[in-house]
Amino acid sequence: MTDPIADYLTRLRNAIKAKHRVVDIPASNLKKEITKILFEKGYILNFKFVEEGPQGTIKIALKYDPINKVNAIKILKRVSTPGLRRYTGYKDMPRVLNGLGIAVLSTSKGVMTDKEARVQKIGGEVLCYVY
């Protein structure tokens, strides 16, 4: 697998389209940090890291609206790919859906959202957009 982050986002997208409650994803440190951000921002209901086997897995409970059965995540879009890395400075930080969505960045101080990076005045690689 050449792009584990794209695989992570695709597994989430497929689980949302199939209306699954829980999705299992192979774990890595970067995927764990992205999952924590999605939980903190309210896009997923809960998560659990299972340390089984050589790699471990991440169990993610997806969040749905109880009345309309609509998922909290509308779009998951991969921005930076292994073939074309997308970097940005804090002054040119992208605003996703005019501030309603989030951009997940990998910076020198760890994985964070675009708003946190703007406050800390650091740039980095734009991993994905979530809204």
Protein backbone atom coordinates (compact mmCIF):
# COMPACT_ATOMS: atom_id res chain seq x y z
CA MET A 1 0.00 0.00 0.00
CA THR A 2 1.54 3.28 -1.08
CA ASP A 3 -0.85 5.73 0.61
CA PRO A 4 -2.10 4.60 4.04
CA ILE A 5 -3.92 7.90 4.71
CA ALA A 6 -5.96 7.55 1.50
CA ASP A 7 -6.78 3.97 2.56
CA TYR A 8 -7.89 5.25 6.00
CA LEU A 9 -10.18 7.88 4.43
CA THR A 10 -11.56 5.39 1.90
CA ARG A 11 -12.43 2.87 4.63
CA LEU A 12 -14.28 5.62 6.53
CA ARG A 13 -16.08 6.75 3.34
CA ASN A 14 -17.13 3.18 2.48
CA ALA A 15 -18.40 2.52 6.03
CA ILE A 16 -20.43 5.74 5.92
CA LYS A 17 -22.01 4.85 2.56
CA ALA A 18 -22.85 1.35 3.84
CA LYS A 19 -24.36 2.87 7.03
CA HIS A 20 -22.07 0.85 9.31
CA ARG A 21 -21.90 1.72 12.99
CA VAL A 22 -18.27 0.62 13.55
CA VAL A 23 -15.30 0.39 11.19
CA ASP A 24 -11.94 -1.34 11.82
CA ILE A 25 -8.83 0.26 10.34
CA PRO A 26 -5.18 -0.92 10.58
CA ALA A 27 -3.39 1.37 13.02
CA SER A 28 -0.40 3.68 12.70
CA ASN A 29 0.66 6.67 14.75
CA LEU A 30 -0.49 9.15 12.10
CA LYS A 31 -3.90 7.47 11.75
CA LYS A 32 -4.29 7.53 15.55
CA GLU A 33 -3.64 11.28 15.61
CA ILE A 34 -6.13 11.92 12.79
CA THR A 35 -8.72 9.81 14.64
CA LYS A 36 -8.19 11.85 17.83
CA ILE A 37 -8.76 15.07 15.87
CA LEU A 38 -11.95 13.70 14.28
CA PHE A 39 -13.21 12.76 17.77
CA GLU A 40 -12.33 16.12 19.32
CA LYS A 41 -14.09 18.01 16.54
CA GLY A 42 -17.23 15.85 16.81
CA TYR A 43 -17.07 14.00 13.49
CA ILE A 44 -17.00 10.52 15.06
CA LEU A 45 -18.82 9.16 18.09
CA ASN A 46 -15.97 7.23 19.74
CA PHE A 47 -12.79 5.31 19.01
CA LYS A 48 -10.69 2.58 20.56
CA PHE A 49 -7.13 1.45 19.88
CA VAL A 50 -6.81 -2.36 19.92
CA GLU A 51 -3.22 -3.56 20.31
CA GLU A 52 -3.50 -7.01 18.73
CA GLY A 53 -1.02 -8.51 16.32
CA PRO A 54 2.01 -6.71 14.94
CA GLN A 55 0.19 -3.53 13.93
CA GLY A 56 -3.01 -3.22 15.92
CA THR A 57 -6.32 -1.74 14.78
CA ILE A 58 -8.44 1.33 15.36
CA LYS A 59 -12.15 0.74 16.01
CA ILE A 60 -14.12 3.84 15.09
CA ALA A 61 -17.80 4.30 16.02
CA LEU A 62 -19.38 6.52 13.37
CA LYS A 63 -21.71 9.35 14.36
CA TYR A 64 -25.19 9.55 12.81
CA ASP A 65 -28.09 11.95 13.30
CA PRO A 66 -30.76 9.90 15.14
CA ILE A 67 -33.70 11.41 13.24
CA ASN A 68 -32.49 11.68 9.63
CA LYS A 69 -29.83 8.91 9.79
CA VAL A 70 -27.31 11.31 8.18
CA ASN A 71 -23.64 10.97 9.05
CA ALA A 72 -21.73 13.83 10.68
CA ILE A 73 -19.04 13.55 7.97
CA LYS A 74 -20.20 14.75 4.55
CA ILE A 75 -16.89 14.85 2.65
CA LEU A 76 -13.46 13.32 3.33
CA LYS A 77 -11.01 14.61 0.75
CA ARG A 78 -7.32 13.67 0.49
CA VAL A 79 -5.25 16.73 -0.46
CA SER A 80 -1.56 15.82 -0.28
CA THR A 81 -0.65 12.57 -2.03
CA PRO A 82 2.65 10.66 -2.25
CA GLY A 83 2.97 11.83 -5.87
CA LEU A 84 2.20 15.48 -5.15
CA ARG A 85 2.76 16.82 -1.65
CA ARG A 86 0.82 19.97 -0.71
CA TYR A 87 2.46 22.26 1.83
CA THR A 88 1.20 25.56 3.16
CA GLY A 89 2.42 28.34 5.39
CA TYR A 90 0.30 29.72 8.19
CA LYS A 91 -0.54 32.85 6.19
CA ASP A 92 -1.86 30.83 3.23
CA MET A 93 -3.75 28.27 5.33
CA PRO A 94 -6.84 26.91 3.54
CA ARG A 95 -10.28 27.66 4.99
CA VAL A 96 -12.54 24.66 4.48
CA LEU A 97 -16.17 25.61 3.83
CA ASN A 98 -15.41 29.13 5.08
CA GLY A 99 -14.40 27.82 8.52
CA LEU A 100 -17.18 25.23 8.98
CA GLY A 101 -14.95 22.29 8.02
CA ILE A 102 -11.42 21.40 9.07
CA ALA A 103 -8.16 20.79 7.27
CA VAL A 104 -5.88 18.25 8.97
CA LEU A 105 -2.21 19.21 8.81
CA SER A 106 0.99 17.41 9.63
CA THR A 107 3.34 20.01 11.13
CA SER A 108 6.67 20.01 12.92
CA LYS A 109 4.71 20.11 16.20
CA GLY A 110 2.48 17.14 15.34
CA VAL A 111 -0.84 16.58 13.59
CA MET A 112 -3.36 19.40 14.11
CA THR A 113 -6.21 21.29 12.49
CA ASP A 114 -5.82 24.37 10.34
CA LYS A 115 -7.20 26.61 13.10
CA GLU A 116 -4.68 25.37 15.67
CA ALA A 117 -1.82 25.79 13.17
CA ARG A 118 -2.95 29.35 12.40
CA VAL A 119 -2.93 30.22 16.11
CA GLN A 120 0.54 28.70 16.62
CA LYS A 121 1.75 30.36 13.38
CA ILE A 122 3.18 27.19 11.84
CA GLY A 123 2.60 25.63 8.44
CA GLY A 124 2.86 22.07 7.23
CA GLU A 125 1.57 19.41 4.88
CA VAL A 126 -2.20 19.50 4.27
CA LEU A 127 -3.31 15.87 4.69
CA CYS A 128 -7.08 16.08 4.17
CA TYR A 129 -10.25 18.16 4.33
CA VAL A 130 -13.19 17.07 6.49
CA TYR A 131 -16.66 18.61 6.46
